[in-house]
PDB file of N, CA and C in Angstrom:
ATOM      1  N   UNK A   1     101.754  88.411 108.205  1.00  0.00           N
ATOM      2  CA  UNK A   1     100.947  89.675 107.928  1.00  0.00           C
ATOM      3  C   UNK A   1      99.830  89.774 108.930  1.00  0.00           C
ATOM      4  N   UNK A   2      99.491  90.588 109.603  1.00  0.00           N
ATOM      5  CA  UNK A   2      98.586  90.659 110.543  1.00  0.00           C
ATOM      6  C   UNK A   2      96.934  90.969 109.600  1.00  0.00           C
ATOM      7  N   UNK A   3      95.973  90.008 110.214  1.00  0.00           N
ATOM      8  CA  UNK A   3      94.824  90.045 109.510  1.00  0.00           C
ATOM      9  C   UNK A   3      94.116  91.171 109.183  1.00  0.00           C
ATOM     10  N   UNK A   4      94.228  92.228 110.007  1.00  0.00           N
ATOM     11  CA  UNK A   4      93.393  93.603 109.847  1.00  0.00           C
ATOM     12  C   UNK A   4      94.063  94.332 108.735  1.00  0.00           C
ATOM     13  N   UNK A   5      95.162  94.150 108.294  1.00  0.00           N
ATOM     14  CA  UNK A   5      96.218  94.653 107.078  1.00  0.00           C
ATOM     15  C   UNK A   5      95.567  94.068 105.574  1.00  0.00           C
ATOM     16  N   UNK A   6      94.924  93.010 105.776  1.00  0.00           N
ATOM     17  CA  UNK A   6      94.328  92.427 104.677  1.00  0.00           C
ATOM     18  C   UNK A   6      93.121  93.103 104.399  1.00  0.00           C
ATOM     19  N   UNK A   7      92.914  93.429 102.953  1.00  0.00           N
ATOM     20  CA  UNK A   7      91.879  94.194 102.400  1.00  0.00           C
ATOM     21  C   UNK A   7      90.531  93.242 102.037  1.00  0.00           C
ATOM     22  N   UNK A   8      90.947  92.291 101.454  1.00  0.00           N
ATOM     23  CA  UNK A   8      89.849  91.372 101.000  1.00  0.00           C
ATOM     24  C   UNK A   8      89.151  90.430 102.098  1.00  0.00           C
ATOM     25  N   UNK A   9      87.862  90.592 102.316  1.00  0.00           N
ATOM     26  CA  UNK A   9      87.236  89.642 103.271  1.00  0.00           C
ATOM     27  C   UNK A   9      87.428  88.014 103.117  1.00  0.00           C
ATOM     28  N   UNK A  10      87.297  87.669 101.633  1.00  0.00           N
ATOM     29  CA  UNK A  10      87.504  86.293 101.328  1.00  0.00           C
ATOM     30  C   UNK A  10      88.845  85.729 101.934  1.00  0.00           C
ATOM     31  N   UNK A  11      89.887  86.588 101.760  1.00  0.00           N
ATOM     32  CA  UNK A  11      91.149  86.115 102.083  1.00  0.00           C
ATOM     33  C   UNK A  11      91.502  86.141 103.472  1.00  0.00           C
ATOM     34  N   UNK A  12      90.639  87.061 104.267  1.00  0.00           N
ATOM     35  CA  UNK A  12      90.971  87.231 105.502  1.00  0.00           C
ATOM     36  C   UNK A  12      90.020  85.853 106.316  1.00  0.00           C
ATOM     37  N   UNK A  13      88.786  85.494 105.473  1.00  0.00           N
ATOM     38  CA  UNK A  13      88.176  84.162 105.998  1.00  0.00           C
ATOM     39  C   UNK A  13      89.189  82.955 105.865  1.00  0.00           C
ATOM     40  N   UNK A  14      89.981  82.905 104.817  1.00  0.00           N
ATOM     41  CA  UNK A  14      90.577  82.021 104.403  1.00  0.00           C
ATOM     42  C   UNK A  14      91.864  81.775 105.355  1.00  0.00           C
ATOM     43  N   UNK A  15      92.392  82.871 105.950  1.00  0.00           N
ATOM     44  CA  UNK A  15      93.398  82.713 106.702  1.00  0.00           C
ATOM     45  C   UNK A  15      93.009  82.203 108.221  1.00  0.00           C
ATOM     46  N   UNK A  16      91.748  82.795 108.256  1.00  0.00           N
ATOM     47  CA  UNK A  16      91.264  82.530 109.789  1.00  0.00           C
ATOM     48  C   UNK A  16      91.053  80.998 109.992  1.00  0.00           C
ATOM     49  N   UNK A  17      90.593  80.511 108.933  1.00  0.00           N
ATOM     50  CA  UNK A  17      90.164  78.945 108.537  1.00  0.00           C
ATOM     51  C   UNK A  17      91.365  78.250 108.563  1.00  0.00           C
ATOM     52  N   UNK A  18      92.097  78.625 107.946  1.00  0.00           N
ATOM     53  CA  UNK A  18      93.677  78.121 107.858  1.00  0.00           C
ATOM     54  C   UNK A  18      94.153  78.036 109.372  1.00  0.00           C
ATOM     55  N   UNK A  19      94.225  79.131 109.999  1.00  0.00           N
ATOM     56  CA  UNK A  19      94.922  79.448 111.458  1.00  0.00           C
ATOM     57  C   UNK A  19      94.133  78.386 112.368  1.00  0.00           C
ATOM     58  N   UNK A  20      92.847  78.408 112.365  1.00  0.00           N
ATOM     59  CA  UNK A  20      91.786  77.526 112.916  1.00  0.00           C
ATOM     60  C   UNK A  20      92.128  75.989 112.917  1.00  0.00           C
ATOM     61  N   UNK A  21      92.566  75.320 111.678  1.00  0.00           N
ATOM     62  CA  UNK A  21      92.855  74.339 111.325  1.00  0.00           C
ATOM     63  C   UNK A  21      94.343  74.093 111.886  1.00  0.00           C
ATOM     64  N   UNK A  22      95.349  74.730 112.021  1.00  0.00           N
ATOM     65  CA  UNK A  22      96.570  74.707 112.434  1.00  0.00           C
ATOM     66  C   UNK A  22      96.701  74.788 114.051  1.00  0.00           C
ATOM     67  N   UNK A  23      95.798  75.525 114.698  1.00  0.00           N
ATOM     68  CA  UNK A  23      96.035  75.675 116.261  1.00  0.00           C
ATOM     69  C   UNK A  23      94.467  75.652 116.728  1.00  0.00           C
ATOM     70  N   UNK A  24      94.026  74.329 116.730  1.00  0.00           N
ATOM     71  CA  UNK A  24      92.582  74.204 117.245  1.00  0.00           C
ATOM     72  C   UNK A  24      92.349  74.363 118.842  1.00  0.00           C
ATOM     73  N   UNK A  25      93.654  74.304 119.629  1.00  0.00           N
ATOM     74  CA  UNK A  25      93.340  74.763 120.905  1.00  0.00           C
ATOM     75  C   UNK A  25      93.444  75.836 121.334  1.00  0.00           C
ATOM     76  N   UNK A  26      93.631  76.716 120.249  1.00  0.00           N
ATOM     77  CA  UNK A  26      93.829  78.353 120.610  1.00  0.00           C
ATOM     78  C   UNK A  26      92.436  79.064 120.419  1.00  0.00           C
ATOM     79  N   UNK A  27      91.792  78.290 119.588  1.00  0.00           N
ATOM     80  CA  UNK A  27      90.395  78.767 119.159  1.00  0.00           C
ATOM     81  C   UNK A  27      89.442  79.361 120.333  1.00  0.00           C
ATOM     82  N   UNK A  28      89.203  78.518 121.546  1.00  0.00           N
ATOM     83  CA  UNK A  28      88.463  79.450 122.687  1.00  0.00           C
ATOM     84  C   UNK A  28      89.117  80.488 122.966  1.00  0.00           C
ATOM     85  N   UNK A  29      90.365  80.614 123.328  1.00  0.00           N
ATOM     86  CA  UNK A  29      91.319  81.665 123.748  1.00  0.00           C
ATOM     87  C   UNK A  29      90.741  82.994 122.663  1.00  0.00           C
ATOM     88  N   UNK A  30      91.018  82.651 121.356  1.00  0.00           N
ATOM     89  CA  UNK A  30      90.710  83.718 120.377  1.00  0.00           C
ATOM     90  C   UNK A  30      89.396  84.152 120.290  1.00  0.00           C
ATOM     91  N   UNK A  31      88.400  83.246 120.392  1.00  0.00           N
ATOM     92  CA  UNK A  31      86.943  84.108 120.496  1.00  0.00           C
ATOM     93  C   UNK A  31      86.881  84.787 121.644  1.00  0.00           C
ATOM     94  N   UNK A  32      87.465  84.436 122.775  1.00  0.00           N
ATOM     95  CA  UNK A  32      86.987  85.310 124.056  1.00  0.00           C
ATOM     96  C   UNK A  32      87.835  86.598 123.965  1.00  0.00           C
ATOM     97  N   UNK A  33      89.000  86.464 123.210  1.00  0.00           N
ATOM     98  CA  UNK A  33      89.985  87.837 122.860  1.00  0.00           C
ATOM     99  C   UNK A  33      88.897  88.784 122.066  1.00  0.00           C
ATOM    100  N   UNK A  34      88.512  88.288 121.110  1.00  0.00           N
ATOM    101  CA  UNK A  34      87.833  89.054 119.951  1.00  0.00           C
ATOM    102  C   UNK A  34      86.392  89.371 120.625  1.00  0.00           C
ATOM    103  N   UNK A  35      85.914  88.617 121.404  1.00  0.00           N
ATOM    104  CA  UNK A  35      84.674  89.107 121.902  1.00  0.00           C
ATOM    105  C   UNK A  35      84.857  90.343 122.953  1.00  0.00           C
ATOM    106  N   UNK A  36      85.736  90.203 123.714  1.00  0.00           N
ATOM    107  CA  UNK A  36      86.110  91.398 124.525  1.00  0.00           C
ATOM    108  C   UNK A  36      86.345  92.507 124.053  1.00  0.00           C
ATOM    109  N   UNK A  37      87.278  92.332 122.784  1.00  0.00           N
ATOM    110  CA  UNK A  37      87.885  93.521 121.994  1.00  0.00           C
ATOM    111  C   UNK A  37      86.556  94.226 121.406  1.00  0.00           C
ATOM    112  N   UNK A  38      85.458  93.435 121.021  1.00  0.00           N
ATOM    113  CA  UNK A  38      84.409  94.116 120.342  1.00  0.00           C
ATOM    114  C   UNK A  38      83.515  94.801 121.279  1.00  0.00           C
ATOM    115  N   UNK A  39      83.365  94.043 122.585  1.00  0.00           N
ATOM    116  CA  UNK A  39      82.737  94.958 123.543  1.00  0.00           C
ATOM    117  C   UNK A  39      83.208  96.221 124.034  1.00  0.00           C
ATOM    118  N   UNK A  40      84.777  96.237 124.251  1.00  0.00           N
ATOM    119  CA  UNK A  40      85.135  97.535 124.607  1.00  0.00           C
ATOM    120  C   UNK A  40      85.111  98.306 123.400  1.00  0.00           C
ATOM    121  N   UNK A  41      85.135  98.080 122.220  1.00  0.00           N
ATOM    122  CA  UNK A  41      85.155  98.995 121.012  1.00  0.00           C
ATOM    123  C   UNK A  41      83.507  99.479 121.153  1.00  0.00           C
ATOM    124  N   UNK A  42      82.451  98.735 121.313  1.00  0.00           N
ATOM    125  CA  UNK A  42      81.305  99.311 121.486  1.00  0.00           C
ATOM    126  C   UNK A  42      80.937 100.303 122.535  1.00  0.00           C
ATOM    127  N   UNK A  43      81.663  99.736 123.753  1.00  0.00           N
ATOM    128  CA  UNK A  43      81.371 100.610 124.827  1.00  0.00           C
ATOM    129  C   UNK A  43      82.219 102.116 124.587  1.00  0.00           C
ATOM    130  N   UNK A  44      83.338 101.958 123.918  1.00  0.00           N
ATOM    131  CA  UNK A  44      84.135 103.407 123.658  1.00  0.00           C
ATOM    132  C   UNK A  44      83.139 104.034 122.662  1.00  0.00           C
ATOM    133  N   UNK A  45      82.559 103.418 121.652  1.00  0.00           N
ATOM    134  CA  UNK A  45      81.817 104.280 120.892  1.00  0.00           C
ATOM    135  C   UNK A  45      80.647 104.981 121.439  1.00  0.00           C
ATOM    136  N   UNK A  46      80.043 104.017 122.423  1.00  0.00           N
ATOM    137  CA  UNK A  46      78.784 104.707 123.173  1.00  0.00           C
ATOM    138  C   UNK A  46      79.394 105.756 123.902  1.00  0.00           C
ATOM    139  N   UNK A  47      80.491 105.745 124.454  1.00  0.00           N
ATOM    140  CA  UNK A  47      80.849 106.790 125.466  1.00  0.00           C
ATOM    141  C   UNK A  47      81.139 107.975 124.608  1.00  0.00           C
ATOM    142  N   UNK A  48      81.737 107.812 123.471  1.00  0.00           N
ATOM    143  CA  UNK A  48      82.194 109.078 122.429  1.00  0.00           C
ATOM    144  C   UNK A  48      81.080 109.749 122.012  1.00  0.00           C
ATOM    145  N   UNK A  49      79.807 108.924 121.576  1.00  0.00           N
ATOM    146  CA  UNK A  49      78.803 109.625 121.093  1.00  0.00           C
ATOM    147  C   UNK A  49      78.051 110.522 122.474  1.00  0.00           C
ATOM    148  N   UNK A  50      78.142 110.069 123.771  1.00  0.00           N
ATOM    149  CA  UNK A  50      77.755 110.735 124.845  1.00  0.00           C
ATOM    150  C   UNK A  50      78.082 112.100 124.891  1.00  0.00           C
ATOM    151  N   UNK A  51      79.655 112.033 124.480  1.00  0.00           N
ATOM    152  CA  UNK A  51      80.574 113.273 124.679  1.00  0.00           C
ATOM    153  C   UNK A  51      80.229 114.412 123.718  1.00  0.00           C
ATOM    154  N   UNK A  52      79.676 114.055 122.696  1.00  0.00           N
ATOM    155  CA  UNK A  52      79.409 115.044 121.534  1.00  0.00           C
ATOM    156  C   UNK A  52      78.253 115.730 121.727  1.00  0.00           C
TER     157      UNK A  52
END
């Protein structure tokens, strides 16, 4: 199940912690991925608010 499909934040956190425990070498990649994703979402929101 994809993490975004989970409604409960506690369950999301538990899944993320379990994933990190199973794949510690992937954590730096995942963090950079989410950081870039967050930055692009913020930029899109700013651009959208300018267009309104």
